[in-house]
Amino acid sequence: MNGEAAGWLEDRVHVFPLRVYYEDTDALGYVYYATYLNYVERARTELLRTLGIEQTRLRAETGAVFVVRRAEIDYRKPARLDDRLEVRSRLTRLAAAFIEAEQTVARAGEPLAEIRVTIACVGPGGKPVRLPSPVRDALSPLVQPS
């Protein structure tokens, strides 16, 4: 996984490139099913970073953190060892205390896994809190309803 590549925005969609490493695969050389969750988590983190939002600073300044509330995955085809992949992340809804997104893991433009995720914003006690204004302001222009 290329942790240095933050990705880029393309028509309100964040594109995050990565490569499949041995540690990502099962005994047959296919990406282990749960690894797709790691890929999309990294992509969401890099989307925020691309917009100037660092989660450690956000937590220190506001106490707010993001947690996955719900994830639904449709596996289409397997990714394999050494594949070059892209995670394409599109925000579909921005509510008071949560974000909904659709993410696709693809190889050469072909969807391999499609993930729909709801991310909640919670405070230090784990209770929902409103999205901090800087986060809302940065994400709002990217929202594209399904």
N, C-alpha and C. Protein backbone atom coordinates (compact mmCIF):
# COMPACT_ATOMS: atom_id res chain seq x y z
N MET A 1 0.84 -1.18 0.00
CA MET A 1 0.00 0.00 0.00
C MET A 1 0.87 1.22 0.00
N ASN A 2 0.64 2.12 -0.90
CA ASN A 2 1.42 3.34 -0.98
C ASN A 2 0.82 4.38 -0.06
N GLY A 3 1.31 4.47 1.17
CA GLY A 3 0.77 5.37 2.16
C GLY A 3 1.07 6.83 1.89
N GLU A 4 2.01 7.12 0.98
CA GLU A 4 2.39 8.49 0.69
C GLU A 4 1.46 9.15 -0.32
N ALA A 5 0.75 8.35 -1.12
CA ALA A 5 -0.12 8.92 -2.15
C ALA A 5 -1.47 9.26 -1.55
N ALA A 6 -1.76 10.55 -1.41
CA ALA A 6 -3.02 10.97 -0.82
C ALA A 6 -4.15 10.89 -1.82
N GLY A 7 -3.85 10.68 -3.08
CA GLY A 7 -4.88 10.63 -4.09
C GLY A 7 -5.20 12.02 -4.60
N TRP A 8 -6.29 12.11 -5.35
CA TRP A 8 -6.67 13.37 -5.95
C TRP A 8 -8.17 13.40 -6.14
N LEU A 9 -8.68 14.61 -6.35
CA LEU A 9 -10.10 14.79 -6.62
C LEU A 9 -10.31 14.88 -8.12
N GLU A 10 -11.34 14.18 -8.59
CA GLU A 10 -11.67 14.14 -10.01
C GLU A 10 -13.18 14.24 -10.11
N ASP A 11 -13.69 15.39 -10.51
CA ASP A 11 -15.14 15.61 -10.65
C ASP A 11 -15.89 15.24 -9.36
N ARG A 12 -15.44 15.79 -8.24
CA ARG A 12 -16.02 15.58 -6.91
C ARG A 12 -15.91 14.15 -6.39
N VAL A 13 -15.06 13.35 -6.99
CA VAL A 13 -14.79 11.98 -6.53
C VAL A 13 -13.32 11.91 -6.15
N HIS A 14 -13.03 11.35 -4.98
CA HIS A 14 -11.64 11.18 -4.57
C HIS A 14 -11.13 9.86 -5.12
N VAL A 15 -9.95 9.89 -5.73
CA VAL A 15 -9.34 8.70 -6.32
C VAL A 15 -8.06 8.40 -5.53
N PHE A 16 -7.99 7.20 -4.98
CA PHE A 16 -6.86 6.79 -4.15
C PHE A 16 -6.21 5.55 -4.77
N PRO A 17 -4.98 5.67 -5.26
CA PRO A 17 -4.30 4.52 -5.87
C PRO A 17 -3.63 3.64 -4.82
N LEU A 18 -3.57 2.36 -5.08
CA LEU A 18 -2.86 1.44 -4.20
C LEU A 18 -2.46 0.20 -4.97
N ARG A 19 -1.62 -0.60 -4.36
CA ARG A 19 -1.18 -1.87 -4.94
C ARG A 19 -1.46 -2.97 -3.92
N VAL A 20 -1.77 -4.15 -4.41
CA VAL A 20 -2.02 -5.30 -3.54
C VAL A 20 -0.68 -5.94 -3.18
N TYR A 21 -0.44 -6.07 -1.89
CA TYR A 21 0.77 -6.71 -1.39
C TYR A 21 0.44 -8.10 -0.84
N TYR A 22 1.48 -8.89 -0.65
CA TYR A 22 1.32 -10.25 -0.15
C TYR A 22 0.51 -10.28 1.14
N GLU A 23 0.76 -9.33 2.03
CA GLU A 23 0.06 -9.29 3.32
C GLU A 23 -1.43 -9.07 3.19
N ASP A 24 -1.89 -8.59 2.01
CA ASP A 24 -3.30 -8.33 1.77
C ASP A 24 -4.07 -9.56 1.30
N THR A 25 -3.36 -10.64 1.01
CA THR A 25 -3.97 -11.77 0.32
C THR A 25 -4.15 -13.00 1.19
N ASP A 26 -4.98 -13.91 0.67
CA ASP A 26 -5.18 -15.20 1.32
C ASP A 26 -4.23 -16.22 0.69
N ALA A 27 -4.41 -17.48 1.02
CA ALA A 27 -3.51 -18.54 0.54
C ALA A 27 -3.54 -18.72 -0.98
N LEU A 28 -4.62 -18.27 -1.64
CA LEU A 28 -4.74 -18.41 -3.09
C LEU A 28 -4.22 -17.19 -3.84
N GLY A 29 -3.78 -16.15 -3.09
CA GLY A 29 -3.28 -14.94 -3.73
C GLY A 29 -4.35 -13.91 -4.04
N TYR A 30 -5.56 -14.15 -3.55
CA TYR A 30 -6.65 -13.18 -3.71
C TYR A 30 -6.68 -12.25 -2.50
N VAL A 31 -7.15 -11.03 -2.69
CA VAL A 31 -7.29 -10.11 -1.57
C VAL A 31 -8.31 -10.69 -0.60
N TYR A 32 -7.91 -10.79 0.65
CA TYR A 32 -8.77 -11.29 1.72
C TYR A 32 -9.97 -10.36 1.85
N TYR A 33 -11.15 -10.90 2.03
CA TYR A 33 -12.38 -10.11 1.97
C TYR A 33 -12.38 -8.90 2.90
N ALA A 34 -11.86 -9.03 4.11
CA ALA A 34 -11.88 -7.92 5.07
C ALA A 34 -10.88 -6.83 4.72
N THR A 35 -9.90 -7.14 3.90
CA THR A 35 -8.90 -6.15 3.51
C THR A 35 -9.50 -5.00 2.73
N TYR A 36 -10.61 -5.27 2.03
CA TYR A 36 -11.28 -4.18 1.29
C TYR A 36 -11.72 -3.08 2.25
N LEU A 37 -12.10 -3.45 3.47
CA LEU A 37 -12.47 -2.44 4.48
C LEU A 37 -11.27 -1.57 4.83
N ASN A 38 -10.09 -2.17 4.92
CA ASN A 38 -8.87 -1.38 5.16
C ASN A 38 -8.62 -0.41 4.01
N TYR A 39 -8.78 -0.90 2.79
CA TYR A 39 -8.54 -0.04 1.62
C TYR A 39 -9.45 1.18 1.62
N VAL A 40 -10.74 0.97 1.87
CA VAL A 40 -11.67 2.10 1.81
C VAL A 40 -11.50 3.03 3.01
N GLU A 41 -11.10 2.49 4.15
CA GLU A 41 -10.81 3.34 5.31
C GLU A 41 -9.63 4.26 5.00
N ARG A 42 -8.58 3.71 4.42
CA ARG A 42 -7.42 4.53 4.06
C ARG A 42 -7.81 5.60 3.04
N ALA A 43 -8.65 5.23 2.10
CA ALA A 43 -9.08 6.18 1.08
C ALA A 43 -9.87 7.33 1.70
N ARG A 44 -10.75 7.03 2.66
CA ARG A 44 -11.52 8.10 3.32
C ARG A 44 -10.59 9.01 4.12
N THR A 45 -9.61 8.43 4.79
CA THR A 45 -8.64 9.24 5.53
C THR A 45 -7.88 10.16 4.59
N GLU A 46 -7.48 9.63 3.45
CA GLU A 46 -6.72 10.45 2.49
C GLU A 46 -7.60 11.49 1.81
N LEU A 47 -8.89 11.19 1.66
CA LEU A 47 -9.83 12.20 1.15
C LEU A 47 -9.83 13.40 2.10
N LEU A 48 -9.97 13.14 3.39
CA LEU A 48 -9.94 14.22 4.37
C LEU A 48 -8.62 14.97 4.33
N ARG A 49 -7.52 14.23 4.25
CA ARG A 49 -6.19 14.85 4.20
C ARG A 49 -6.05 15.73 2.96
N THR A 50 -6.58 15.28 1.83
CA THR A 50 -6.55 16.07 0.59
C THR A 50 -7.26 17.40 0.78
N LEU A 51 -8.29 17.41 1.64
CA LEU A 51 -9.07 18.62 1.91
C LEU A 51 -8.48 19.44 3.07
N GLY A 52 -7.33 19.00 3.59
CA GLY A 52 -6.68 19.75 4.67
C GLY A 52 -7.16 19.38 6.06
N ILE A 53 -7.84 18.25 6.20
CA ILE A 53 -8.35 17.81 7.50
C ILE A 53 -7.53 16.62 7.97
N GLU A 54 -6.80 16.82 9.06
CA GLU A 54 -6.05 15.73 9.67
C GLU A 54 -6.82 15.26 10.89
N GLN A 55 -7.09 13.98 10.96
CA GLN A 55 -7.95 13.47 12.01
C GLN A 55 -7.35 13.61 13.41
N THR A 56 -6.04 13.50 13.54
CA THR A 56 -5.43 13.67 14.87
C THR A 56 -5.60 15.11 15.35
N ARG A 57 -5.42 16.07 14.46
CA ARG A 57 -5.60 17.48 14.82
C ARG A 57 -7.07 17.77 15.13
N LEU A 58 -7.98 17.20 14.31
CA LEU A 58 -9.40 17.39 14.53
C LEU A 58 -9.80 16.90 15.92
N ARG A 59 -9.30 15.75 16.28
CA ARG A 59 -9.62 15.19 17.61
C ARG A 59 -9.05 16.07 18.72
N ALA A 60 -7.81 16.51 18.55
CA ALA A 60 -7.18 17.35 19.57
C ALA A 60 -7.92 18.68 19.74
N GLU A 61 -8.39 19.25 18.63
CA GLU A 61 -9.03 20.56 18.68
C GLU A 61 -10.51 20.52 19.02
N THR A 62 -11.22 19.45 18.64
CA THR A 62 -12.67 19.43 18.83
C THR A 62 -13.16 18.25 19.66
N GLY A 63 -12.33 17.23 19.83
CA GLY A 63 -12.76 16.02 20.52
C GLY A 63 -13.54 15.07 19.62
N ALA A 64 -13.80 15.49 18.39
CA ALA A 64 -14.60 14.68 17.46
C ALA A 64 -13.75 13.64 16.75
N VAL A 65 -14.32 12.45 16.58
CA VAL A 65 -13.70 11.38 15.80
C VAL A 65 -14.77 10.74 14.94
N PHE A 66 -14.33 10.01 13.94
CA PHE A 66 -15.26 9.32 13.03
C PHE A 66 -15.23 7.83 13.32
N VAL A 67 -16.42 7.22 13.32
CA VAL A 67 -16.54 5.78 13.49
C VAL A 67 -17.50 5.24 12.42
N VAL A 68 -17.22 4.05 11.96
CA VAL A 68 -18.11 3.43 10.98
C VAL A 68 -19.34 2.92 11.72
N ARG A 69 -20.49 3.36 11.27
CA ARG A 69 -21.76 2.92 11.87
C ARG A 69 -22.35 1.76 11.09
N ARG A 70 -22.14 1.80 9.77
CA ARG A 70 -22.71 0.76 8.91
C ARG A 70 -21.86 0.63 7.66
N ALA A 71 -21.67 -0.60 7.21
CA ALA A 71 -20.97 -0.85 5.94
C ALA A 71 -21.64 -2.01 5.23
N GLU A 72 -21.85 -1.84 3.95
CA GLU A 72 -22.44 -2.88 3.09
C GLU A 72 -21.51 -3.06 1.90
N ILE A 73 -21.12 -4.30 1.64
CA ILE A 73 -20.15 -4.57 0.58
C ILE A 73 -20.71 -5.56 -0.42
N ASP A 74 -20.57 -5.22 -1.69
CA ASP A 74 -20.87 -6.15 -2.78
C ASP A 74 -19.56 -6.51 -3.44
N TYR A 75 -19.18 -7.78 -3.35
CA TYR A 75 -17.95 -8.25 -3.98
C TYR A 75 -18.28 -8.70 -5.40
N ARG A 76 -17.59 -8.14 -6.38
CA ARG A 76 -17.85 -8.45 -7.80
C ARG A 76 -16.84 -9.44 -8.36
N LYS A 77 -15.57 -9.09 -8.21
CA LYS A 77 -14.47 -9.94 -8.71
C LYS A 77 -13.30 -9.80 -7.75
N PRO A 78 -12.43 -10.80 -7.69
CA PRO A 78 -11.31 -10.72 -6.76
C PRO A 78 -10.15 -9.86 -7.29
N ALA A 79 -9.51 -9.17 -6.37
CA ALA A 79 -8.23 -8.53 -6.67
C ALA A 79 -7.15 -9.54 -6.31
N ARG A 80 -6.00 -9.41 -6.97
CA ARG A 80 -4.93 -10.40 -6.79
C ARG A 80 -3.62 -9.73 -6.41
N LEU A 81 -2.72 -10.52 -5.92
CA LEU A 81 -1.38 -10.08 -5.57
C LEU A 81 -0.77 -9.27 -6.72
N ASP A 82 -0.21 -8.12 -6.40
CA ASP A 82 0.46 -7.19 -7.32
C ASP A 82 -0.46 -6.33 -8.17
N ASP A 83 -1.78 -6.52 -8.08
CA ASP A 83 -2.70 -5.67 -8.84
C ASP A 83 -2.53 -4.21 -8.43
N ARG A 84 -2.67 -3.32 -9.39
CA ARG A 84 -2.79 -1.89 -9.12
C ARG A 84 -4.28 -1.60 -9.06
N LEU A 85 -4.70 -0.98 -7.97
CA LEU A 85 -6.12 -0.71 -7.75
C LEU A 85 -6.33 0.78 -7.52
N GLU A 86 -7.58 1.18 -7.61
CA GLU A 86 -7.99 2.52 -7.23
C GLU A 86 -9.23 2.39 -6.35
N VAL A 87 -9.29 3.22 -5.32
CA VAL A 87 -10.51 3.36 -4.55
C VAL A 87 -11.10 4.71 -4.93
N ARG A 88 -12.32 4.68 -5.44
CA ARG A 88 -13.03 5.90 -5.82
C ARG A 88 -14.10 6.15 -4.76
N SER A 89 -14.03 7.30 -4.10
CA SER A 89 -14.93 7.63 -3.00
C SER A 89 -15.80 8.81 -3.39
N ARG A 90 -17.11 8.60 -3.23
CA ARG A 90 -18.09 9.64 -3.54
C ARG A 90 -18.99 9.83 -2.34
N LEU A 91 -19.10 11.06 -1.87
CA LEU A 91 -19.99 11.36 -0.74
C LEU A 91 -21.40 11.51 -1.26
N THR A 92 -22.34 10.84 -0.61
CA THR A 92 -23.73 10.88 -1.07
C THR A 92 -24.66 11.63 -0.13
N ARG A 93 -24.25 11.80 1.12
CA ARG A 93 -25.11 12.52 2.06
C ARG A 93 -24.26 13.06 3.20
N LEU A 94 -24.59 14.27 3.60
CA LEU A 94 -23.95 14.92 4.73
C LEU A 94 -25.06 15.37 5.66
N ALA A 95 -25.17 14.71 6.82
CA ALA A 95 -26.21 15.05 7.79
C ALA A 95 -25.55 15.77 8.97
N ALA A 96 -26.32 16.05 10.00
CA ALA A 96 -25.80 16.79 11.15
C ALA A 96 -24.63 16.07 11.82
N ALA A 97 -24.74 14.76 11.99
CA ALA A 97 -23.73 14.02 12.74
C ALA A 97 -23.19 12.80 11.99
N PHE A 98 -23.49 12.68 10.70
CA PHE A 98 -22.95 11.55 9.96
C PHE A 98 -22.77 11.87 8.48
N ILE A 99 -21.98 11.01 7.84
CA ILE A 99 -21.65 11.12 6.42
C ILE A 99 -21.96 9.78 5.78
N GLU A 100 -22.55 9.80 4.60
CA GLU A 100 -22.74 8.57 3.83
C GLU A 100 -21.88 8.67 2.58
N ALA A 101 -21.29 7.54 2.21
CA ALA A 101 -20.42 7.51 1.04
C ALA A 101 -20.59 6.20 0.28
N GLU A 102 -20.27 6.27 -0.99
CA GLU A 102 -20.17 5.08 -1.84
C GLU A 102 -18.73 5.01 -2.30
N GLN A 103 -18.14 3.83 -2.13
CA GLN A 103 -16.75 3.65 -2.51
C GLN A 103 -16.63 2.41 -3.40
N THR A 104 -15.81 2.54 -4.41
CA THR A 104 -15.60 1.43 -5.33
C THR A 104 -14.11 1.12 -5.40
N VAL A 105 -13.77 -0.16 -5.22
CA VAL A 105 -12.40 -0.62 -5.43
C VAL A 105 -12.38 -1.20 -6.84
N ALA A 106 -11.51 -0.66 -7.69
CA ALA A 106 -11.49 -1.07 -9.10
C ALA A 106 -10.08 -1.37 -9.58
N ARG A 107 -10.01 -2.22 -10.60
CA ARG A 107 -8.76 -2.53 -11.29
C ARG A 107 -8.95 -2.15 -12.74
N ALA A 108 -8.14 -1.22 -13.24
CA ALA A 108 -8.24 -0.76 -14.63
C ALA A 108 -9.67 -0.36 -14.98
N GLY A 109 -10.32 0.33 -14.05
CA GLY A 109 -11.68 0.81 -14.28
C GLY A 109 -12.78 -0.20 -14.05
N GLU A 110 -12.43 -1.45 -13.81
CA GLU A 110 -13.43 -2.50 -13.59
C GLU A 110 -13.73 -2.64 -12.10
N PRO A 111 -14.98 -2.43 -11.68
CA PRO A 111 -15.32 -2.55 -10.25
C PRO A 111 -15.10 -3.97 -9.72
N LEU A 112 -14.39 -4.04 -8.59
CA LEU A 112 -14.16 -5.32 -7.93
C LEU A 112 -15.01 -5.45 -6.66
N ALA A 113 -15.17 -4.33 -5.97
CA ALA A 113 -15.99 -4.30 -4.75
C ALA A 113 -16.64 -2.93 -4.66
N GLU A 114 -17.92 -2.93 -4.25
CA GLU A 114 -18.66 -1.69 -4.07
C GLU A 114 -19.11 -1.63 -2.62
N ILE A 115 -18.77 -0.53 -1.96
CA ILE A 115 -19.02 -0.40 -0.53
C ILE A 115 -19.87 0.84 -0.29
N ARG A 116 -20.92 0.69 0.50
CA ARG A 116 -21.72 1.81 0.96
C ARG A 116 -21.51 1.90 2.46
N VAL A 117 -21.14 3.08 2.92
CA VAL A 117 -20.75 3.22 4.32
C VAL A 117 -21.38 4.46 4.94
N THR A 118 -21.72 4.33 6.22
CA THR A 118 -22.19 5.46 7.02
C THR A 118 -21.16 5.68 8.12
N ILE A 119 -20.65 6.91 8.18
CA ILE A 119 -19.63 7.27 9.16
C ILE A 119 -20.25 8.27 10.12
N ALA A 120 -20.25 7.94 11.40
CA ALA A 120 -20.80 8.83 12.42
C ALA A 120 -19.68 9.67 13.03
N CYS A 121 -20.05 10.85 13.45
CA CYS A 121 -19.13 11.74 14.16
C CYS A 121 -19.50 11.63 15.64
N VAL A 122 -18.54 11.25 16.48
CA VAL A 122 -18.80 11.10 17.90
C VAL A 122 -17.80 11.91 18.71
N GLY A 123 -18.24 12.25 19.92
CA GLY A 123 -17.39 13.00 20.84
C GLY A 123 -16.62 12.07 21.75
N PRO A 124 -15.90 12.64 22.73
CA PRO A 124 -15.06 11.84 23.63
C PRO A 124 -15.81 10.73 24.36
N GLY A 125 -17.09 10.92 24.66
CA GLY A 125 -17.87 9.89 25.35
C GLY A 125 -18.48 8.86 24.42
N GLY A 126 -18.23 9.00 23.12
CA GLY A 126 -18.78 8.05 22.16
C GLY A 126 -20.19 8.38 21.71
N LYS A 127 -20.72 9.51 22.14
CA LYS A 127 -22.07 9.91 21.74
C LYS A 127 -21.99 10.77 20.47
N PRO A 128 -23.01 10.68 19.62
CA PRO A 128 -23.00 11.48 18.39
C PRO A 128 -22.88 12.98 18.68
N VAL A 129 -22.08 13.64 17.86
CA VAL A 129 -21.94 15.09 17.90
C VAL A 129 -22.03 15.62 16.47
N ARG A 130 -22.36 16.89 16.35
CA ARG A 130 -22.45 17.51 15.04
C ARG A 130 -21.07 17.52 14.38
N LEU A 131 -21.07 17.39 13.06
CA LEU A 131 -19.82 17.52 12.32
C LEU A 131 -19.23 18.90 12.59
N PRO A 132 -17.94 18.98 12.91
CA PRO A 132 -17.33 20.29 13.10
C PRO A 132 -17.44 21.14 11.83
N SER A 133 -17.63 22.42 12.00
CA SER A 133 -17.82 23.33 10.85
C SER A 133 -16.75 23.20 9.78
N PRO A 134 -15.46 23.11 10.13
CA PRO A 134 -14.45 22.99 9.07
C PRO A 134 -14.64 21.72 8.22
N VAL A 135 -15.09 20.65 8.86
CA VAL A 135 -15.33 19.39 8.14
C VAL A 135 -16.54 19.56 7.22
N ARG A 136 -17.60 20.09 7.76
CA ARG A 136 -18.82 20.31 6.97
C ARG A 136 -18.52 21.22 5.77
N ASP A 137 -17.80 22.32 6.01
CA ASP A 137 -17.48 23.26 4.95
C ASP A 137 -16.64 22.63 3.85
N ALA A 138 -15.69 21.78 4.25
CA ALA A 138 -14.80 21.14 3.27
C ALA A 138 -15.53 20.06 2.47
N LEU A 139 -16.43 19.31 3.12
CA LEU A 139 -17.09 18.18 2.47
C LEU A 139 -18.33 18.58 1.65
N SER A 140 -19.01 19.61 2.06
CA SER A 140 -20.28 20.00 1.40
C SER A 140 -20.20 20.09 -0.12
N PRO A 141 -19.16 20.72 -0.69
CA PRO A 141 -19.12 20.83 -2.16
C PRO A 141 -18.96 19.49 -2.88
N LEU A 142 -18.57 18.43 -2.14
CA LEU A 142 -18.33 17.13 -2.77
C LEU A 142 -19.55 16.23 -2.80
N VAL A 143 -20.59 16.58 -2.06
CA VAL A 143 -21.75 15.69 -1.94
C VAL A 143 -22.49 15.59 -3.27
N GLN A 144 -22.74 14.33 -3.65
CA GLN A 144 -23.52 13.99 -4.86
C GLN A 144 -24.53 12.93 -4.46
N PRO A 145 -25.77 13.30 -4.22
CA PRO A 145 -26.77 12.30 -3.82
C PRO A 145 -26.87 11.15 -4.84
N SER A 146 -27.20 9.98 -4.33
CA SER A 146 -27.33 8.80 -5.20
C SER A 146 -28.47 8.98 -6.19
